[in-house]
Amino acid sequence: MRRIFNIYVLLVIIGMSMSAGTYAQDRPEHELHSMMIYNFLKYVQWPGDQNSGDFVIGVMGDDNVFNTLNAWYGNKTRGDKTFTIKKFTSPSEISGCQLLYIGKSASNQFDEVQARVQDQSTLTVTDKNGLGAKGSCINFKVVDNRLKFELNQAAIQKSNLKISSQLTSMAILI
């Protein structure tokens, strides 16, 4: 049963990434990002006990993504995880996140953010061309009017995270 569920979730992610142009007509970008962020979590394994208990998703530089994640997933439980969504306004505030989304308006602070989370197992997700190659674990990218994502394998390894081959197969690998 769990395998069927995982296959279903994988098909949803594939459908979203392959036809984001269609979804974009119906849904705002921040909702697409929020859905994909939540779905990424199903394919990432954090070290030790970070896979259960309070699971913190931080957002910096995009109020719409923060509000959507908070409304849809804040204080919700999935498996052994209870999701807490936190908003950060500066890199100095960032701590204790398993996932950190850095929106376009905060992308100029990417180097500071990276320095802040470099010794932590934090999945960084960004939304600006070039940040995938610069060290973001996952970076959203529009290709041929479709929302896709880049996956930086070196950044994933440096963050001590494990990514499912299912997610890797859907990504633009860096």
C-alpha atoms as a PDB file:
ATOM      1  CA  MET A   1       0.000   0.000   0.000  1.00  0.00           C
ATOM      2  CA  ARG A   2       2.851   2.395   0.887  1.00  0.00           C
ATOM      3  CA  ARG A   3       4.496   1.623  -2.458  1.00  0.00           C
ATOM      4  CA  ILE A   4       1.301   2.536  -4.309  1.00  0.00           C
ATOM      5  CA  PHE A   5       1.098   5.797  -2.365  1.00  0.00           C
ATOM      6  CA  ASN A   6       4.750   6.620  -3.184  1.00  0.00           C
ATOM      7  CA  ILE A   7       4.141   5.927  -6.866  1.00  0.00           C
ATOM      8  CA  TYR A   8       1.078   8.191  -6.773  1.00  0.00           C
ATOM      9  CA  VAL A   9       3.063  11.021  -5.153  1.00  0.00           C
ATOM     10  CA  LEU A  10       5.833  10.575  -7.702  1.00  0.00           C
ATOM     11  CA  LEU A  11       3.319  10.847 -10.541  1.00  0.00           C
ATOM     12  CA  VAL A  12       1.931  14.043  -9.027  1.00  0.00           C
ATOM     13  CA  ILE A  13       5.408  15.600  -8.887  1.00  0.00           C
ATOM     14  CA  ILE A  14       6.180  14.490 -12.434  1.00  0.00           C
ATOM     15  CA  GLY A  15       2.877  15.887 -13.625  1.00  0.00           C
ATOM     16  CA  MET A  16       3.530  19.185 -11.892  1.00  0.00           C
ATOM     17  CA  SER A  17       7.031  19.539 -13.289  1.00  0.00           C
ATOM     18  CA  MET A  18       6.095  18.456 -16.808  1.00  0.00           C
ATOM     19  CA  SER A  19       2.979  20.548 -17.148  1.00  0.00           C
ATOM     20  CA  ALA A  20       3.604  23.489 -14.885  1.00  0.00           C
ATOM     21  CA  GLY A  21       2.643  25.742 -17.785  1.00  0.00           C
ATOM     22  CA  THR A  22      -0.884  24.365 -17.532  1.00  0.00           C
ATOM     23  CA  TYR A  23      -0.910  24.621 -13.752  1.00  0.00           C
ATOM     24  CA  ALA A  24       0.512  28.126 -13.937  1.00  0.00           C
ATOM     25  CA  GLN A  25      -2.614  29.269 -15.725  1.00  0.00           C
ATOM     26  CA  ASP A  26      -4.738  27.970 -12.853  1.00  0.00           C
ATOM     27  CA  ARG A  27      -2.460  28.463  -9.861  1.00  0.00           C
ATOM     28  CA  PRO A  28      -0.133  31.258  -8.773  1.00  0.00           C
ATOM     29  CA  GLU A  29       3.579  30.483  -8.698  1.00  0.00           C
ATOM     30  CA  HIS A  30       3.778  30.612  -4.883  1.00  0.00           C
ATOM     31  CA  GLU A  31       1.210  27.807  -4.660  1.00  0.00           C
ATOM     32  CA  LEU A  32       3.184  25.686  -7.120  1.00  0.00           C
ATOM     33  CA  HIS A  33       6.358  26.279  -5.129  1.00  0.00           C
ATOM     34  CA  SER A  34       4.577  25.395  -1.873  1.00  0.00           C
ATOM     35  CA  MET A  35       3.189  22.158  -3.294  1.00  0.00           C
ATOM     36  CA  MET A  36       6.534  21.139  -4.717  1.00  0.00           C
ATOM     37  CA  ILE A  37       8.404  22.001  -1.510  1.00  0.00           C
ATOM     38  CA  TYR A  38       6.036  19.795   0.461  1.00  0.00           C
ATOM     39  CA  ASN A  39       6.390  16.981  -2.066  1.00  0.00           C
ATOM     40  CA  PHE A  40      10.209  17.237  -2.055  1.00  0.00           C
ATOM     41  CA  LEU A  41      10.129  16.294   1.623  1.00  0.00           C
ATOM     42  CA  LYS A  42       8.844  12.841   0.754  1.00  0.00           C
ATOM     43  CA  TYR A  43      12.049  12.084  -1.141  1.00  0.00           C
ATOM     44  CA  VAL A  44      14.675  13.461   1.241  1.00  0.00           C
ATOM     45  CA  GLN A  45      16.132  11.721   4.252  1.00  0.00           C
ATOM     46  CA  TRP A  46      17.749  13.731   7.031  1.00  0.00           C
ATOM     47  CA  PRO A  47      20.329  12.225   9.374  1.00  0.00           C
ATOM     48  CA  GLY A  48      19.431  10.867  12.787  1.00  0.00           C
ATOM     49  CA  ASP A  49      16.250  11.960  14.509  1.00  0.00           C
ATOM     50  CA  GLN A  50      15.529  14.874  12.137  1.00  0.00           C
ATOM     51  CA  ASN A  51      13.049  12.688  10.244  1.00  0.00           C
ATOM     52  CA  SER A  52      10.514  12.849  13.065  1.00  0.00           C
ATOM     53  CA  GLY A  53       9.151  15.250  15.670  1.00  0.00           C
ATOM     54  CA  ASP A  54       9.028  18.968  14.939  1.00  0.00           C
ATOM     55  CA  PHE A  55      10.053  19.565  11.360  1.00  0.00           C
ATOM     56  CA  VAL A  56      10.867  23.189  10.603  1.00  0.00           C
ATOM     57  CA  ILE A  57      10.401  24.732   7.174  1.00  0.00           C
ATOM     58  CA  GLY A  58      11.883  28.217   7.057  1.00  0.00           C
ATOM     59  CA  VAL A  59      10.973  30.852   4.489  1.00  0.00           C
ATOM     60  CA  MET A  60      12.928  33.986   3.706  1.00  0.00           C
ATOM     61  CA  GLY A  61      12.084  36.535   1.042  1.00  0.00           C
ATOM     62  CA  ASP A  62       8.619  35.414  -0.064  1.00  0.00           C
ATOM     63  CA  ASP A  63       5.596  36.197   2.080  1.00  0.00           C
ATOM     64  CA  ASN A  64       3.235  34.437  -0.327  1.00  0.00           C
ATOM     65  CA  VAL A  65       5.117  31.137  -0.044  1.00  0.00           C
ATOM     66  CA  PHE A  66       5.300  31.541   3.736  1.00  0.00           C
ATOM     67  CA  ASN A  67       1.562  32.232   4.034  1.00  0.00           C
ATOM     68  CA  THR A  68       0.638  29.360   1.727  1.00  0.00           C
ATOM     69  CA  LEU A  69       2.919  26.830   3.443  1.00  0.00           C
ATOM     70  CA  ASN A  70       1.650  27.961   6.831  1.00  0.00           C
ATOM     71  CA  ALA A  71      -2.020  27.752   5.813  1.00  0.00           C
ATOM     72  CA  TRP A  72      -1.703  24.405   4.060  1.00  0.00           C
ATOM     73  CA  TYR A  73       0.874  22.565   6.164  1.00  0.00           C
ATOM     74  CA  GLY A  74       1.576  24.520   9.384  1.00  0.00           C
ATOM     75  CA  ASN A  75       1.107  22.361  12.506  1.00  0.00           C
ATOM     76  CA  LYS A  76      -0.007  19.442  10.330  1.00  0.00           C
ATOM     77  CA  THR A  77       1.372  15.982  10.937  1.00  0.00           C
ATOM     78  CA  ARG A  78       2.601  13.568   8.308  1.00  0.00           C
ATOM     79  CA  GLY A  79       3.980  10.314   9.593  1.00  0.00           C
ATOM     80  CA  ASP A  80       6.242  11.147  12.518  1.00  0.00           C
ATOM     81  CA  LYS A  81       6.661  14.796  11.497  1.00  0.00           C
ATOM     82  CA  THR A  82       4.782  17.838  12.736  1.00  0.00           C
ATOM     83  CA  PHE A  83       5.403  20.791  10.434  1.00  0.00           C
ATOM     84  CA  THR A  84       6.288  24.207  11.774  1.00  0.00           C
ATOM     85  CA  ILE A  85       6.624  27.033   9.270  1.00  0.00           C
ATOM     86  CA  LYS A  86       8.891  29.924  10.285  1.00  0.00           C
ATOM     87  CA  LYS A  87       9.447  33.245   8.590  1.00  0.00           C
ATOM     88  CA  PHE A  88      12.929  34.784   8.609  1.00  0.00           C
ATOM     89  CA  THR A  89      13.748  38.335   7.607  1.00  0.00           C
ATOM     90  CA  SER A  90      17.548  38.107   7.793  1.00  0.00           C
ATOM     91  CA  PRO A  91      20.203  35.383   7.676  1.00  0.00           C
ATOM     92  CA  SER A  92      21.145  36.033  11.317  1.00  0.00           C
ATOM     93  CA  GLU A  93      17.713  34.766  12.433  1.00  0.00           C
ATOM     94  CA  ILE A  94      18.022  31.393  10.686  1.00  0.00           C
ATOM     95  CA  SER A  95      18.441  28.360  12.901  1.00  0.00           C
ATOM     96  CA  GLY A  96      17.040  24.884  13.313  1.00  0.00           C
ATOM     97  CA  CYS A  97      15.498  24.436   9.853  1.00  0.00           C
ATOM     98  CA  GLN A  98      15.385  21.145   8.044  1.00  0.00           C
ATOM     99  CA  LEU A  99      14.297  22.992   4.881  1.00  0.00           C
ATOM    100  CA  LEU A 100      14.878  26.636   4.023  1.00  0.00           C
ATOM    101  CA  TYR A 101      13.187  28.327   1.055  1.00  0.00           C
ATOM    102  CA  ILE A 102      14.891  31.495  -0.152  1.00  0.00           C
ATOM    103  CA  GLY A 103      12.644  33.564  -2.402  1.00  0.00           C
ATOM    104  CA  LYS A 104      13.801  35.885  -5.173  1.00  0.00           C
ATOM    105  CA  SER A 105      13.696  39.014  -3.014  1.00  0.00           C
ATOM    106  CA  ALA A 106      16.214  37.484  -0.575  1.00  0.00           C
ATOM    107  CA  SER A 107      18.425  35.823  -3.184  1.00  0.00           C
ATOM    108  CA  ASN A 108      21.010  38.607  -2.881  1.00  0.00           C
ATOM    109  CA  GLN A 109      21.642  37.289   0.662  1.00  0.00           C
ATOM    110  CA  PHE A 110      22.265  33.722  -0.508  1.00  0.00           C
ATOM    111  CA  ASP A 111      25.973  33.702   0.446  1.00  0.00           C
ATOM    112  CA  GLU A 112      25.158  34.842   3.989  1.00  0.00           C
ATOM    113  CA  VAL A 113      22.417  32.224   4.282  1.00  0.00           C
ATOM    114  CA  GLN A 114      24.754  29.499   3.014  1.00  0.00           C
ATOM    115  CA  ALA A 115      27.365  30.489   5.587  1.00  0.00           C
ATOM    116  CA  ARG A 116      24.702  30.295   8.289  1.00  0.00           C
ATOM    117  CA  VAL A 117      23.477  26.763   7.401  1.00  0.00           C
ATOM    118  CA  GLN A 118      26.692  25.243   6.049  1.00  0.00           C
ATOM    119  CA  ASP A 119      27.282  22.954   9.026  1.00  0.00           C
ATOM    120  CA  GLN A 120      23.632  21.913   9.326  1.00  0.00           C
ATOM    121  CA  SER A 121      21.562  19.328   7.500  1.00  0.00           C
ATOM    122  CA  THR A 122      19.384  21.926   5.810  1.00  0.00           C
ATOM    123  CA  LEU A 123      17.802  21.437   2.407  1.00  0.00           C
ATOM    124  CA  THR A 124      18.055  24.837   0.733  1.00  0.00           C
ATOM    125  CA  VAL A 125      15.472  25.573  -1.958  1.00  0.00           C
ATOM    126  CA  THR A 126      15.804  28.708  -4.074  1.00  0.00           C
ATOM    127  CA  ASP A 127      14.066  30.482  -6.921  1.00  0.00           C
ATOM    128  CA  LYS A 128      16.640  32.368  -8.970  1.00  0.00           C
ATOM    129  CA  ASN A 129      18.698  31.370 -11.972  1.00  0.00           C
ATOM    130  CA  GLY A 130      22.270  30.598 -11.024  1.00  0.00           C
ATOM    131  CA  LEU A 131      21.677  29.703  -7.371  1.00  0.00           C
ATOM    132  CA  GLY A 132      21.617  25.974  -8.106  1.00  0.00           C
ATOM    133  CA  ALA A 133      25.144  26.144  -9.470  1.00  0.00           C
ATOM    134  CA  LYS A 134      26.128  28.451  -6.614  1.00  0.00           C
ATOM    135  CA  GLY A 135      25.266  25.849  -3.968  1.00  0.00           C
ATOM    136  CA  SER A 136      21.522  25.642  -3.405  1.00  0.00           C
ATOM    137  CA  CYS A 137      20.352  22.052  -2.977  1.00  0.00           C
ATOM    138  CA  ILE A 138      17.270  22.616  -5.148  1.00  0.00           C
ATOM    139  CA  ASN A 139      16.582  25.592  -7.384  1.00  0.00           C
ATOM    140  CA  PHE A 140      13.345  26.294  -9.255  1.00  0.00           C
ATOM    141  CA  LYS A 141      13.810  27.105 -12.915  1.00  0.00           C
ATOM    142  CA  VAL A 142      11.416  27.815 -15.765  1.00  0.00           C
ATOM    143  CA  VAL A 143      12.364  25.957 -18.958  1.00  0.00           C
ATOM    144  CA  ASP A 144      10.191  26.294 -22.066  1.00  0.00           C
ATOM    145  CA  ASN A 145       7.437  27.886 -19.940  1.00  0.00           C
ATOM    146  CA  ARG A 146       7.459  24.908 -17.564  1.00  0.00           C
ATOM    147  CA  LEU A 147       8.449  24.912 -13.925  1.00  0.00           C
ATOM    148  CA  LYS A 148      11.366  22.537 -13.377  1.00  0.00           C
ATOM    149  CA  PHE A 149      13.960  22.176 -10.664  1.00  0.00           C
ATOM    150  CA  GLU A 150      17.706  21.819 -10.524  1.00  0.00           C
ATOM    151  CA  LEU A 151      19.307  19.476  -8.015  1.00  0.00           C
ATOM    152  CA  ASN A 152      22.864  20.190  -6.902  1.00  0.00           C
ATOM    153  CA  GLN A 153      24.239  16.796  -5.879  1.00  0.00           C
ATOM    154  CA  ALA A 154      27.385  18.232  -4.254  1.00  0.00           C
ATOM    155  CA  ALA A 155      25.281  20.583  -2.104  1.00  0.00           C
ATOM    156  CA  ILE A 156      23.042  17.671  -1.078  1.00  0.00           C
ATOM    157  CA  GLN A 157      26.062  15.617  -0.011  1.00  0.00           C
ATOM    158  CA  LYS A 158      27.612  18.575   1.816  1.00  0.00           C
ATOM    159  CA  SER A 159      24.349  18.972   3.751  1.00  0.00           C
ATOM    160  CA  ASN A 160      24.505  15.291   4.749  1.00  0.00           C
ATOM    161  CA  LEU A 161      21.142  14.553   3.116  1.00  0.00           C
ATOM    162  CA  LYS A 162      20.038  11.570   1.079  1.00  0.00           C
ATOM    163  CA  ILE A 163      17.826  12.055  -1.969  1.00  0.00           C
ATOM    164  CA  SER A 164      15.654   9.359  -3.481  1.00  0.00           C
ATOM    165  CA  SER A 165      16.576   8.293  -6.987  1.00  0.00           C
ATOM    166  CA  GLN A 166      12.952   9.029  -7.921  1.00  0.00           C
ATOM    167  CA  LEU A 167      13.470  12.730  -7.209  1.00  0.00           C
ATOM    168  CA  THR A 168      16.874  12.722  -8.874  1.00  0.00           C
ATOM    169  CA  SER A 169      15.383  11.276 -12.047  1.00  0.00           C
ATOM    170  CA  MET A 170      12.984  14.242 -12.359  1.00  0.00           C
ATOM    171  CA  ALA A 171      15.592  16.937 -11.747  1.00  0.00           C
ATOM    172  CA  ILE A 172      18.009  18.880 -13.879  1.00  0.00           C
ATOM    173  CA  LEU A 173      21.224  17.627 -12.309  1.00  0.00           C
ATOM    174  CA  ILE A 174      24.079  19.976 -11.488  1.00  0.00           C
END
